[in-house]
Amino acid sequence: RIDKLPLPVKSAPGFLVNAVLGPYMLEALRCVEEGVAPETVDA
């Protein structure tokens, strides 16, 4: 009714979207920790 897209998910840590974004962002920050420039990671 509010013109959004409903995605049925089960109650679990992070549901779907946050559950996949967390490891993704973590791996990016690990690359920065290893000396890769943030700009290079984002590019």
PDB file of all heavy atoms in Angstrom:
ATOM      1  N   ARG A   1       0.828  -1.212   0.000  1.00  0.00           N
ATOM      2  CA  ARG A   1       0.000   0.000   0.000  1.00  0.00           C
ATOM      3  C   ARG A   1       0.858   1.256   0.000  1.00  0.00           C
ATOM      4  O   ARG A   1       0.423   2.303  -0.482  1.00  0.00           O
ATOM      5  CB  ARG A   1      -0.919   0.020   1.223  1.00  0.00           C
ATOM      6  CG  ARG A   1      -1.939  -1.098   1.264  1.00  0.00           C
ATOM      7  CD  ARG A   1      -3.133  -0.829   0.379  1.00  0.00           C
ATOM      8  NE  ARG A   1      -4.069  -1.953   0.416  1.00  0.00           N
ATOM      9  CZ  ARG A   1      -5.199  -2.005  -0.277  1.00  0.00           C
ATOM     10  NH1 ARG A   1      -5.526  -1.006  -1.058  1.00  0.00           N
ATOM     11  NH2 ARG A   1      -5.977  -3.056  -0.201  1.00  0.00           N
ATOM     12  N   ILE A   2       2.041   1.170   0.565  1.00  0.00           N
ATOM     13  CA  ILE A   2       2.933   2.340   0.566  1.00  0.00           C
ATOM     14  C   ILE A   2       3.933   2.248  -0.589  1.00  0.00           C
ATOM     15  O   ILE A   2       4.938   2.952  -0.603  1.00  0.00           O
ATOM     16  CB  ILE A   2       3.656   2.507   1.917  1.00  0.00           C
ATOM     17  CG1 ILE A   2       4.467   1.261   2.275  1.00  0.00           C
ATOM     18  CG2 ILE A   2       2.650   2.841   3.024  1.00  0.00           C
ATOM     19  CD1 ILE A   2       5.331   1.434   3.515  1.00  0.00           C
ATOM     20  N   ASP A   3       3.656   1.369  -1.548  1.00  0.00           N
ATOM     21  CA  ASP A   3       4.430   1.231  -2.783  1.00  0.00           C
ATOM     22  C   ASP A   3       5.869   0.796  -2.534  1.00  0.00           C
ATOM     23  O   ASP A   3       6.796   1.249  -3.196  1.00  0.00           O
ATOM     24  CB  ASP A   3       4.398   2.538  -3.586  1.00  0.00           C
ATOM     25  CG  ASP A   3       4.766   2.320  -5.053  1.00  0.00           C
ATOM     26  OD1 ASP A   3       4.553   1.192  -5.553  1.00  0.00           O
ATOM     27  OD2 ASP A   3       5.271   3.256  -5.692  1.00  0.00           O
ATOM     28  N   LYS A   4       6.041  -0.093  -1.573  1.00  0.00           N
ATOM     29  CA  LYS A   4       7.342  -0.709  -1.325  1.00  0.00           C
ATOM     30  C   LYS A   4       7.271  -2.194  -1.680  1.00  0.00           C
ATOM     31  O   LYS A   4       6.202  -2.742  -1.955  1.00  0.00           O
ATOM     32  CB  LYS A   4       7.750  -0.541   0.141  1.00  0.00           C
ATOM     33  CG  LYS A   4       7.934   0.907   0.586  1.00  0.00           C
ATOM     34  CD  LYS A   4       9.115   1.576  -0.065  1.00  0.00           C
ATOM     35  CE  LYS A   4       9.335   2.977   0.463  1.00  0.00           C
ATOM     36  NZ  LYS A   4      10.471   3.657  -0.204  1.00  0.00           N
ATOM     37  N   LEU A   5       8.428  -2.839  -1.666  1.00  0.00           N
ATOM     38  CA  LEU A   5       8.528  -4.256  -2.022  1.00  0.00           C
ATOM     39  C   LEU A   5       8.699  -5.088  -0.761  1.00  0.00           C
ATOM     40  O   LEU A   5       9.731  -5.001  -0.094  1.00  0.00           O
ATOM     41  CB  LEU A   5       9.724  -4.478  -2.958  1.00  0.00           C
ATOM     42  CG  LEU A   5       9.699  -3.698  -4.276  1.00  0.00           C
ATOM     43  CD1 LEU A   5      11.025  -3.884  -5.016  1.00  0.00           C
ATOM     44  CD2 LEU A   5       8.534  -4.129  -5.149  1.00  0.00           C
ATOM     45  N   PRO A   6       7.709  -5.916  -0.397  1.00  0.00           N
ATOM     46  CA  PRO A   6       7.842  -6.733   0.803  1.00  0.00           C
ATOM     47  C   PRO A   6       8.651  -7.993   0.548  1.00  0.00           C
ATOM     48  O   PRO A   6       8.419  -8.717  -0.426  1.00  0.00           O
ATOM     49  CB  PRO A   6       6.386  -7.084   1.146  1.00  0.00           C
ATOM     50  CG  PRO A   6       5.650  -7.018  -0.158  1.00  0.00           C
ATOM     51  CD  PRO A   6       6.380  -6.033  -1.033  1.00  0.00           C
ATOM     52  N   LEU A   7       9.609  -8.268   1.410  1.00  0.00           N
ATOM     53  CA  LEU A   7      10.400  -9.492   1.341  1.00  0.00           C
ATOM     54  C   LEU A   7      10.166 -10.299   2.610  1.00  0.00           C
ATOM     55  O   LEU A   7      10.571  -9.878   3.699  1.00  0.00           O
ATOM     56  CB  LEU A   7      11.890  -9.173   1.210  1.00  0.00           C
ATOM     57  CG  LEU A   7      12.814 -10.402   1.261  1.00  0.00           C
ATOM     58  CD1 LEU A   7      12.650 -11.250  -0.008  1.00  0.00           C
ATOM     59  CD2 LEU A   7      14.268  -9.999   1.442  1.00  0.00           C
ATOM     60  N   PRO A   8       9.508 -11.466   2.516  1.00  0.00           N
ATOM     61  CA  PRO A   8       9.315 -12.294   3.705  1.00  0.00           C
ATOM     62  C   PRO A   8      10.645 -12.893   4.176  1.00  0.00           C
ATOM     63  O   PRO A   8      11.370 -13.506   3.392  1.00  0.00           O
ATOM     64  CB  PRO A   8       8.366 -13.397   3.217  1.00  0.00           C
ATOM     65  CG  PRO A   8       7.777 -12.892   1.930  1.00  0.00           C
ATOM     66  CD  PRO A   8       8.837 -12.027   1.331  1.00  0.00           C
ATOM     67  N   VAL A   9      10.975 -12.686   5.437  1.00  0.00           N
ATOM     68  CA  VAL A   9      12.193 -13.256   6.010  1.00  0.00           C
ATOM     69  C   VAL A   9      11.869 -13.841   7.380  1.00  0.00           C
ATOM     70  O   VAL A   9      10.878 -13.483   8.015  1.00  0.00           O
ATOM     71  CB  VAL A   9      13.327 -12.211   6.146  1.00  0.00           C
ATOM     72  CG1 VAL A   9      13.763 -11.688   4.792  1.00  0.00           C
ATOM     73  CG2 VAL A   9      12.888 -11.055   7.044  1.00  0.00           C
ATOM     74  N   LYS A  10      12.724 -14.749   7.827  1.00  0.00           N
ATOM     75  CA  LYS A  10      12.584 -15.358   9.141  1.00  0.00           C
ATOM     76  C   LYS A  10      13.392 -14.560  10.156  1.00  0.00           C
ATOM     77  O   LYS A  10      14.436 -13.992   9.830  1.00  0.00           O
ATOM     78  CB  LYS A  10      13.084 -16.804   9.087  1.00  0.00           C
ATOM     79  CG  LYS A  10      12.825 -17.612  10.348  1.00  0.00           C
ATOM     80  CD  LYS A  10      13.318 -19.051  10.179  1.00  0.00           C
ATOM     81  CE  LYS A  10      14.828 -19.146  10.236  1.00  0.00           C
ATOM     82  NZ  LYS A  10      15.305 -20.549  10.241  1.00  0.00           N
ATOM     83  N   SER A  11      12.910 -14.500  11.367  1.00  0.00           N
ATOM     84  CA  SER A  11      13.629 -13.818  12.430  1.00  0.00           C
ATOM     85  C   SER A  11      14.961 -14.512  12.676  1.00  0.00           C
ATOM     86  O   SER A  11      15.018 -15.680  13.052  1.00  0.00           O
ATOM     87  CB  SER A  11      12.797 -13.823  13.716  1.00  0.00           C
ATOM     88  OG  SER A  11      13.488 -13.183  14.767  1.00  0.00           O
ATOM     89  N   ALA A  12      16.036 -13.791  12.433  1.00  0.00           N
ATOM     90  CA  ALA A  12      17.403 -14.290  12.600  1.00  0.00           C
ATOM     91  C   ALA A  12      18.302 -13.070  12.656  1.00  0.00           C
ATOM     92  O   ALA A  12      17.927 -11.996  12.175  1.00  0.00           O
ATOM     93  CB  ALA A  12      17.796 -15.204  11.430  1.00  0.00           C
ATOM     94  N   PRO A  13      19.500 -13.184  13.241  1.00  0.00           N
ATOM     95  CA  PRO A  13      20.384 -12.015  13.354  1.00  0.00           C
ATOM     96  C   PRO A  13      20.618 -11.341  12.001  1.00  0.00           C
ATOM     97  O   PRO A  13      21.103 -11.961  11.057  1.00  0.00           O
ATOM     98  CB  PRO A  13      21.679 -12.608  13.915  1.00  0.00           C
ATOM     99  CG  PRO A  13      21.227 -13.817  14.669  1.00  0.00           C
ATOM    100  CD  PRO A  13      20.075 -14.376  13.888  1.00  0.00           C
ATOM    101  N   GLY A  14      20.232 -10.062  11.899  1.00  0.00           N
ATOM    102  CA  GLY A  14      20.436  -9.296  10.679  1.00  0.00           C
ATOM    103  C   GLY A  14      19.414  -9.569   9.598  1.00  0.00           C
ATOM    104  O   GLY A  14      19.467  -8.947   8.536  1.00  0.00           O
ATOM    105  N   PHE A  15      18.483 -10.517   9.849  1.00  0.00           N
ATOM    106  CA  PHE A  15      17.517 -10.927   8.823  1.00  0.00           C
ATOM    107  C   PHE A  15      18.287 -11.279   7.546  1.00  0.00           C
ATOM    108  O   PHE A  15      19.211 -12.083   7.600  1.00  0.00           O
ATOM    109  CB  PHE A  15      16.440  -9.868   8.613  1.00  0.00           C
ATOM    110  CG  PHE A  15      15.813  -9.381   9.894  1.00  0.00           C
ATOM    111  CD1 PHE A  15      15.581  -8.039  10.132  1.00  0.00           C
ATOM    112  CD2 PHE A  15      15.465 -10.284  10.888  1.00  0.00           C
ATOM    113  CE1 PHE A  15      15.013  -7.594  11.323  1.00  0.00           C
ATOM    114  CE2 PHE A  15      14.896  -9.861  12.093  1.00  0.00           C
ATOM    115  CZ  PHE A  15      14.675  -8.504  12.309  1.00  0.00           C
ATOM    116  N   LEU A  16      17.953 -10.691   6.395  1.00  0.00           N
ATOM    117  CA  LEU A  16      18.741 -10.960   5.186  1.00  0.00           C
ATOM    118  C   LEU A  16      19.733  -9.838   4.904  1.00  0.00           C
ATOM    119  O   LEU A  16      20.939 -10.053   4.831  1.00  0.00           O
ATOM    120  CB  LEU A  16      17.838 -11.150   3.968  1.00  0.00           C
ATOM    121  CG  LEU A  16      18.608 -11.223   2.633  1.00  0.00           C
ATOM    122  CD1 LEU A  16      19.409 -12.520   2.542  1.00  0.00           C
ATOM    123  CD2 LEU A  16      17.683 -11.065   1.440  1.00  0.00           C
ATOM    124  N   VAL A  17      19.216  -8.619   4.743  1.00  0.00           N
ATOM    125  CA  VAL A  17      20.043  -7.536   4.204  1.00  0.00           C
ATOM    126  C   VAL A  17      21.218  -7.211   5.111  1.00  0.00           C
ATOM    127  O   VAL A  17      22.373  -7.149   4.667  1.00  0.00           O
ATOM    128  CB  VAL A  17      19.175  -6.291   3.935  1.00  0.00           C
ATOM    129  CG1 VAL A  17      20.057  -5.098   3.552  1.00  0.00           C
ATOM    130  CG2 VAL A  17      18.168  -6.575   2.819  1.00  0.00           C
ATOM    131  N   ASN A  18      20.963  -7.007   6.400  1.00  0.00           N
ATOM    132  CA  ASN A  18      22.071  -6.700   7.301  1.00  0.00           C
ATOM    133  C   ASN A  18      23.000  -7.895   7.490  1.00  0.00           C
ATOM    134  O   ASN A  18      24.201  -7.742   7.717  1.00  0.00           O
ATOM    135  CB  ASN A  18      21.534  -6.224   8.647  1.00  0.00           C
ATOM    136  CG  ASN A  18      20.983  -4.811   8.576  1.00  0.00           C
ATOM    137  OD1 ASN A  18      21.265  -4.082   7.631  1.00  0.00           O
ATOM    138  ND2 ASN A  18      20.183  -4.434   9.553  1.00  0.00           N
ATOM    139  N   ALA A  19      22.435  -9.095   7.359  1.00  0.00           N
ATOM    140  CA  ALA A  19      23.265 -10.298   7.500  1.00  0.00           C
ATOM    141  C   ALA A  19      24.274 -10.427   6.369  1.00  0.00           C
ATOM    142  O   ALA A  19      25.359 -10.986   6.565  1.00  0.00           O
ATOM    143  CB  ALA A  19      22.379 -11.543   7.551  1.00  0.00           C
ATOM    144  N   VAL A  20      23.947  -9.926   5.181  1.00  0.00           N
ATOM    145  CA  VAL A  20      24.908  -9.995   4.074  1.00  0.00           C
ATOM    146  C   VAL A  20      25.795  -8.753   4.028  1.00  0.00           C
ATOM    147  O   VAL A  20      26.952  -8.837   3.602  1.00  0.00           O
ATOM    148  CB  VAL A  20      24.201 -10.198   2.713  1.00  0.00           C
ATOM    149  CG1 VAL A  20      23.344 -11.446   2.734  1.00  0.00           C
ATOM    150  CG2 VAL A  20      23.390  -8.995   2.290  1.00  0.00           C
ATOM    151  N   LEU A  21      25.273  -7.622   4.481  1.00  0.00           N
ATOM    152  CA  LEU A  21      26.088  -6.404   4.456  1.00  0.00           C
ATOM    153  C   LEU A  21      27.213  -6.458   5.485  1.00  0.00           C
ATOM    154  O   LEU A  21      28.311  -5.949   5.240  1.00  0.00           O
ATOM    155  CB  LEU A  21      25.217  -5.170   4.724  1.00  0.00           C
ATOM    156  CG  LEU A  21      24.510  -4.543   3.540  1.00  0.00           C
ATOM    157  CD1 LEU A  21      23.697  -3.333   3.994  1.00  0.00           C
ATOM    158  CD2 LEU A  21      25.497  -4.132   2.450  1.00  0.00           C
ATOM    159  N   GLY A  22      26.952  -7.070   6.638  1.00  0.00           N
ATOM    160  CA  GLY A  22      27.969  -7.113   7.685  1.00  0.00           C
ATOM    161  C   GLY A  22      29.266  -7.743   7.229  1.00  0.00           C
ATOM    162  O   GLY A  22      30.337  -7.110   7.304  1.00  0.00           O
ATOM    163  N   PRO A  23      29.261  -8.984   6.735  1.00  0.00           N
ATOM    164  CA  PRO A  23      30.516  -9.596   6.268  1.00  0.00           C
ATOM    165  C   PRO A  23      31.167  -8.843   5.111  1.00  0.00           C
ATOM    166  O   PRO A  23      32.400  -8.810   4.998  1.00  0.00           O
ATOM    167  CB  PRO A  23      30.067 -10.994   5.824  1.00  0.00           C
ATOM    168  CG  PRO A  23      28.810 -11.256   6.577  1.00  0.00           C
ATOM    169  CD  PRO A  23      28.128  -9.928   6.710  1.00  0.00           C
ATOM    170  N   TYR A  24      30.360  -8.251   4.269  1.00  0.00           N
ATOM    171  CA  TYR A  24      30.872  -7.474   3.129  1.00  0.00           C
ATOM    172  C   TYR A  24      31.658  -6.259   3.626  1.00  0.00           C
ATOM    173  O   TYR A  24      32.806  -6.020   3.206  1.00  0.00           O
ATOM    174  CB  TYR A  24      29.675  -7.071   2.270  1.00  0.00           C
ATOM    175  CG  TYR A  24      29.910  -6.005   1.233  1.00  0.00           C
ATOM    176  CD1 TYR A  24      30.633  -6.263   0.074  1.00  0.00           C
ATOM    177  CD2 TYR A  24      29.342  -4.742   1.381  1.00  0.00           C
ATOM    178  CE1 TYR A  24      30.801  -5.287  -0.896  1.00  0.00           C
ATOM    179  CE2 TYR A  24      29.500  -3.762   0.425  1.00  0.00           C
ATOM    180  CZ  TYR A  24      30.234  -4.032  -0.712  1.00  0.00           C
ATOM    181  OH  TYR A  24      30.394  -3.063  -1.672  1.00  0.00           O
ATOM    182  N   MET A  25      31.051  -5.503   4.532  1.00  0.00           N
ATOM    183  CA  MET A  25      31.737  -4.321   5.049  1.00  0.00           C
ATOM    184  C   MET A  25      32.950  -4.715   5.886  1.00  0.00           C
ATOM    185  O   MET A  25      33.987  -4.047   5.845  1.00  0.00           O
ATOM    186  CB  MET A  25      30.762  -3.467   5.866  1.00  0.00           C
ATOM    187  CG  MET A  25      29.659  -2.837   5.023  1.00  0.00           C
ATOM    188  SD  MET A  25      28.668  -1.582   5.894  1.00  0.00           S
ATOM    189  CE  MET A  25      27.815  -2.578   7.095  1.00  0.00           C
ATOM    190  N   LEU A  26      32.815  -5.812   6.633  1.00  0.00           N
ATOM    191  CA  LEU A  26      33.945  -6.269   7.437  1.00  0.00           C
ATOM    192  C   LEU A  26      35.147  -6.612   6.562  1.00  0.00           C
ATOM    193  O   LEU A  26      36.289  -6.231   6.867  1.00  0.00           O
ATOM    194  CB  LEU A  26      33.540  -7.492   8.262  1.00  0.00           C
ATOM    195  CG  LEU A  26      34.672  -8.185   9.030  1.00  0.00           C
ATOM    196  CD1 LEU A  26      35.280  -7.253  10.066  1.00  0.00           C
ATOM    197  CD2 LEU A  26      34.171  -9.469   9.682  1.00  0.00           C
ATOM    198  N   GLU A  27      34.920  -7.310   5.463  1.00  0.00           N
ATOM    199  CA  GLU A  27      36.031  -7.685   4.583  1.00  0.00           C
ATOM    200  C   GLU A  27      36.682  -6.454   3.977  1.00  0.00           C
ATOM    201  O   GLU A  27      37.913  -6.393   3.819  1.00  0.00           O
ATOM    202  CB  GLU A  27      35.536  -8.624   3.484  1.00  0.00           C
ATOM    203  CG  GLU A  27      36.642  -9.302   2.692  1.00  0.00           C
ATOM    204  CD  GLU A  27      37.505 -10.216   3.550  1.00  0.00           C
ATOM    205  OE1 GLU A  27      36.997 -10.749   4.567  1.00  0.00           O
ATOM    206  OE2 GLU A  27      38.693 -10.404   3.214  1.00  0.00           O
ATOM    207  N   ALA A  28      35.857  -5.452   3.658  1.00  0.00           N
ATOM    208  CA  ALA A  28      36.421  -4.207   3.125  1.00  0.00           C
ATOM    209  C   ALA A  28      37.318  -3.535   4.158  1.00  0.00           C
ATOM    210  O   ALA A  28      38.423  -3.054   3.837  1.00  0.00           O
ATOM    211  CB  ALA A  28      35.283  -3.268   2.709  1.00  0.00           C
ATOM    212  N   LEU A  29      36.862  -3.494   5.410  1.00  0.00           N
ATOM    213  CA  LEU A  29      37.664  -2.861   6.459  1.00  0.00           C
ATOM    214  C   LEU A  29      38.917  -3.673   6.767  1.00  0.00           C
ATOM    215  O   LEU A  29      39.947  -3.106   7.154  1.00  0.00           O
ATOM    216  CB  LEU A  29      36.819  -2.678   7.718  1.00  0.00           C
ATOM    217  CG  LEU A  29      35.585  -1.765   7.576  1.00  0.00           C
ATOM    218  CD1 LEU A  29      34.929  -1.536   8.924  1.00  0.00           C
ATOM    219  CD2 LEU A  29      35.942  -0.428   6.922  1.00  0.00           C
ATOM    220  N   ARG A  30      38.847  -4.988   6.612  1.00  0.00           N
ATOM    221  CA  ARG A  30      40.057  -5.803   6.777  1.00  0.00           C
ATOM    222  C   ARG A  30      41.093  -5.447   5.719  1.00  0.00           C
ATOM    223  O   ARG A  30      42.300  -5.409   5.998  1.00  0.00           O
ATOM    224  CB  ARG A  30      39.700  -7.285   6.674  1.00  0.00           C
ATOM    225  CG  ARG A  30      39.080  -7.870   7.935  1.00  0.00           C
ATOM    226  CD  ARG A  30      38.669  -9.304   7.710  1.00  0.00           C
ATOM    227  NE  ARG A  30      38.191  -9.928   8.940  1.00  0.00           N
ATOM    228  CZ  ARG A  30      37.355 -10.953   8.968  1.00  0.00           C
ATOM    229  NH1 ARG A  30      36.910 -11.478   7.835  1.00  0.00           N
ATOM    230  NH2 ARG A  30      36.969 -11.465  10.113  1.00  0.00           N
ATOM    231  N   CYS A  31      40.634  -5.198   4.505  1.00  0.00           N
ATOM    232  CA  CYS A  31      41.569  -4.786   3.444  1.00  0.00           C
ATOM    233  C   CYS A  31      42.244  -3.474   3.804  1.00  0.00           C
ATOM    234  O   CYS A  31      43.456  -3.297   3.589  1.00  0.00           O
ATOM    235  CB  CYS A  31      40.826  -4.657   2.114  1.00  0.00           C
ATOM    236  SG  CYS A  31      40.262  -6.230   1.425  1.00  0.00           S
ATOM    237  N   VAL A  32      41.470  -2.538   4.367  1.00  0.00           N
ATOM    238  CA  VAL A  32      42.049  -1.266   4.806  1.00  0.00           C
ATOM    239  C   VAL A  32      43.054  -1.517   5.924  1.00  0.00           C
ATOM    240  O   VAL A  32      44.141  -0.920   5.958  1.00  0.00           O
ATOM    241  CB  VAL A  32      40.934  -0.301   5.267  1.00  0.00           C
ATOM    242  CG1 VAL A  32      41.538   0.973   5.865  1.00  0.00           C
ATOM    243  CG2 VAL A  32      40.007   0.040   4.101  1.00  0.00           C
ATOM    244  N   GLU A  33      42.705  -2.431   6.828  1.00  0.00           N
ATOM    245  CA  GLU A  33      43.601  -2.783   7.931  1.00  0.00           C
ATOM    246  C   GLU A  33      44.932  -3.325   7.407  1.00  0.00           C
ATOM    247  O   GLU A  33      45.988  -3.127   8.009  1.00  0.00           O
ATOM    248  CB  GLU A  33      42.915  -3.840   8.808  1.00  0.00           C
ATOM    249  CG  GLU A  33      43.406  -3.880  10.227  1.00  0.00           C
ATOM    250  CD  GLU A  33      42.673  -2.898  11.132  1.00  0.00           C
ATOM    251  OE1 GLU A  33      41.930  -2.035  10.631  1.00  0.00           O
ATOM    252  OE2 GLU A  33      42.866  -2.973  12.337  1.00  0.00           O
ATOM    253  N   GLU A  34      44.879  -4.010   6.269  1.00  0.00           N
ATOM    254  CA  GLU A  34      46.080  -4.601   5.672  1.00  0.00           C
ATOM    255  C   GLU A  34      46.883  -3.596   4.855  1.00  0.00           C
ATOM    256  O   GLU A  34      47.925  -3.950   4.296  1.00  0.00           O
ATOM    257  CB  GLU A  34      45.686  -5.775   4.778  1.00  0.00           C
ATOM    258  CG  GLU A  34      45.084  -6.946   5.547  1.00  0.00           C
ATOM    259  CD  GLU A  34      44.449  -7.975   4.633  1.00  0.00           C
ATOM    260  OE1 GLU A  34      44.638  -7.867   3.391  1.00  0.00           O
ATOM    261  OE2 GLU A  34      43.753  -8.885   5.127  1.00  0.00           O
ATOM    262  N   GLY A  35      46.388  -2.348   4.764  1.00  0.00           N
ATOM    263  CA  GLY A  35      47.150  -1.306   4.087  1.00  0.00           C
ATOM    264  C   GLY A  35      46.604  -0.855   2.757  1.00  0.00           C
ATOM    265  O   GLY A  35      47.184   0.030   2.116  1.00  0.00           O
ATOM    266  N   VAL A  36      45.502  -1.424   2.321  1.00  0.00           N
ATOM    267  CA  VAL A  36      44.882  -0.955   1.075  1.00  0.00           C
ATOM    268  C   VAL A  36      44.159   0.358   1.367  1.00  0.00           C
ATOM    269  O   VAL A  36      43.417   0.460   2.359  1.00  0.00           O
ATOM    270  CB  VAL A  36      43.892  -1.994   0.518  1.00  0.00           C
ATOM    271  CG1 VAL A  36      43.291  -1.505  -0.800  1.00  0.00           C
ATOM    272  CG2 VAL A  36      44.575  -3.339   0.329  1.00  0.00           C
ATOM    273  N   ALA A  37      44.345   1.364   0.539  1.00  0.00           N
ATOM    274  CA  ALA A  37      43.721   2.661   0.773  1.00  0.00           C
ATOM    275  C   ALA A  37      42.204   2.538   0.699  1.00  0.00           C
ATOM    276  O   ALA A  37      41.668   1.811  -0.158  1.00  0.00           O
ATOM    277  CB  ALA A  37      44.205   3.673  -0.262  1.00  0.00           C
ATOM    278  N   PRO A  38      41.464   3.233   1.573  1.00  0.00           N
ATOM    279  CA  PRO A  38      40.001   3.213   1.485  1.00  0.00           C
ATOM    280  C   PRO A  38      39.508   3.586   0.088  1.00  0.00           C
ATOM    281  O   PRO A  38      38.538   3.009  -0.415  1.00  0.00           O
ATOM    282  CB  PRO A  38      39.564   4.239   2.529  1.00  0.00           C
ATOM    283  CG  PRO A  38      40.686   4.282   3.519  1.00  0.00           C
ATOM    284  CD  PRO A  38      41.937   4.046   2.708  1.00  0.00           C
ATOM    285  N   GLU A  39      40.203   4.553  -0.541  1.00  0.00           N
ATOM    286  CA  GLU A  39      39.801   4.976  -1.885  1.00  0.00           C
ATOM    287  C   GLU A  39      39.923   3.837  -2.896  1.00  0.00           C
ATOM    288  O   GLU A  39      39.090   3.689  -3.795  1.00  0.00           O
ATOM    289  CB  GLU A  39      40.664   6.164  -2.347  1.00  0.00           C
ATOM    290  CG  GLU A  39      40.407   7.472  -1.598  1.00  0.00           C
ATOM    291  CD  GLU A  39      41.259   7.626  -0.340  1.00  0.00           C
ATOM    292  OE1 GLU A  39      41.868   6.604   0.103  1.00  0.00           O
ATOM    293  OE2 GLU A  39      41.321   8.733   0.200  1.00  0.00           O
ATOM    294  N   THR A  40      40.958   3.025  -2.725  1.00  0.00           N
ATOM    295  CA  THR A  40      41.161   1.897  -3.643  1.00  0.00           C
ATOM    296  C   THR A  40      40.077   0.843  -3.443  1.00  0.00           C
ATOM    297  O   THR A  40      39.529   0.288  -4.410  1.00  0.00           O
ATOM    298  CB  THR A  40      42.546   1.282  -3.420  1.00  0.00           C
ATOM    299  OG1 THR A  40      43.542   2.298  -3.595  1.00  0.00           O
ATOM    300  CG2 THR A  40      42.808   0.146  -4.394  1.00  0.00           C
ATOM    301  N   VAL A  41      39.763   0.564  -2.184  1.00  0.00           N
ATOM    302  CA  VAL A  41      38.695  -0.399  -1.892  1.00  0.00           C
ATOM    303  C   VAL A  41      37.380   0.065  -2.507  1.00  0.00           C
ATOM    304  O   VAL A  41      36.680  -0.699  -3.184  1.00  0.00           O
ATOM    305  CB  VAL A  41      38.551  -0.585  -0.369  1.00  0.00           C
ATOM    306  CG1 VAL A  41      37.295  -1.394  -0.044  1.00  0.00           C
ATOM    307  CG2 VAL A  41      39.784  -1.259   0.209  1.00  0.00           C
ATOM    308  N   ASP A  42      37.034   1.319  -2.282  1.00  0.00           N
ATOM    309  CA  ASP A  42      35.760   1.833  -2.793  1.00  0.00           C
ATOM    310  C   ASP A  42      35.742   1.863  -4.316  1.00  0.00           C
ATOM    311  O   ASP A  42      34.724   1.528  -4.948  1.00  0.00           O
ATOM    312  CB  ASP A  42      35.493   3.228  -2.234  1.00  0.00           C
ATOM    313  CG  ASP A  42      34.992   3.185  -0.791  1.00  0.00           C
ATOM    314  OD1 ASP A  42      34.677   2.081  -0.316  1.00  0.00           O
ATOM    315  OD2 ASP A  42      34.902   4.248  -0.151  1.00  0.00           O
ATOM    316  N   ALA A  43      36.865   2.251  -4.917  1.00  0.00           N
ATOM    317  CA  ALA A  43      36.928   2.293  -6.381  1.00  0.00           C
ATOM    318  C   ALA A  43      36.708   0.903  -6.976  1.00  0.00           C
ATOM    319  O   ALA A  43      36.036   0.747  -8.005  1.00  0.00           O
ATOM    320  CB  ALA A  43      38.269   2.865  -6.837  1.00  0.00           C
TER     321      ALA A  43
END
